[in-house]
Amino acid sequence: MGLRIALLLTTIACSLAVWAAPAPYFLWQGAHRTVCAQTSPGEGWTRISAAYVKSDCSI
């Protein structure tokens, strides 16, 4: 019984990974720099662009 549940949970986890998509990158502007990141680098940063697929924020 425990093996069946483990197998079922493993199958469900693997099938959910098929729908996973990469997180987008955004240009963030701080007081003195602009960086490309998936999340805000911290307080004081403003997102200044739409989403990019590449990690260097190019099209």
Protein backbone atom coordinates (compact mmCIF):
# COMPACT_ATOMS: atom_id res chain seq x y z
CA MET A 1 0.00 0.00 0.00
CA GLY A 2 2.78 2.45 0.91
CA LEU A 3 4.64 1.60 -2.29
CA ARG A 4 1.55 2.34 -4.39
CA ILE A 5 1.09 5.72 -2.74
CA ALA A 6 4.76 6.57 -3.24
CA LEU A 7 4.56 5.53 -6.89
CA LEU A 8 1.39 7.58 -7.39
CA LEU A 9 2.92 10.67 -5.79
CA THR A 10 6.08 10.30 -7.87
CA THR A 11 4.03 9.98 -11.06
CA ILE A 12 1.99 13.07 -10.19
CA ALA A 13 5.13 15.08 -9.36
CA CYS A 14 6.78 14.12 -12.65
CA SER A 15 3.68 14.97 -14.69
CA LEU A 16 3.41 18.40 -13.05
CA ALA A 17 7.00 19.18 -14.02
CA VAL A 18 6.00 18.92 -17.69
CA TRP A 19 3.91 22.09 -17.34
CA ALA A 20 6.63 24.08 -15.60
CA ALA A 21 7.90 27.12 -17.47
CA PRO A 22 11.02 29.18 -16.85
CA ALA A 23 10.58 32.36 -14.86
CA PRO A 24 10.87 35.57 -16.89
CA TYR A 25 13.68 38.11 -16.46
CA PHE A 26 13.14 41.84 -15.97
CA LEU A 27 15.31 44.96 -16.12
CA TRP A 28 15.59 46.55 -12.69
CA GLN A 29 16.87 50.09 -12.08
CA GLY A 30 18.50 51.17 -8.84
CA ALA A 31 20.08 54.45 -7.85
CA HIS A 32 23.28 53.89 -9.85
CA ARG A 33 22.86 50.72 -11.93
CA THR A 34 20.53 48.64 -14.05
CA VAL A 35 20.49 44.86 -13.71
CA CYS A 36 18.66 41.95 -15.30
CA ALA A 37 17.10 39.57 -12.76
CA GLN A 38 14.06 37.36 -12.22
CA THR A 39 13.16 38.99 -8.90
CA SER A 40 13.82 42.37 -7.34
CA PRO A 41 17.42 42.78 -6.13
CA GLY A 42 16.09 44.46 -2.99
CA GLU A 43 14.56 47.65 -1.68
CA GLY A 44 14.85 50.73 -3.86
CA TRP A 45 14.81 48.85 -7.18
CA THR A 46 12.17 49.58 -9.83
CA ARG A 47 11.19 47.24 -12.65
CA ILE A 48 11.60 49.18 -15.91
CA SER A 49 10.80 46.63 -18.63
CA ALA A 50 8.47 43.90 -19.76
CA ALA A 51 9.43 40.24 -19.38
CA TYR A 52 12.41 38.74 -21.20
CA VAL A 53 13.19 35.05 -21.75
CA LYS A 54 17.00 35.32 -21.80
CA SER A 55 19.05 36.05 -18.68
CA ASP A 56 20.83 38.99 -20.33
CA CYS A 57 17.45 40.70 -20.96
CA SER A 58 17.79 40.48 -24.73
CA ILE A 59 15.06 39.46 -27.12
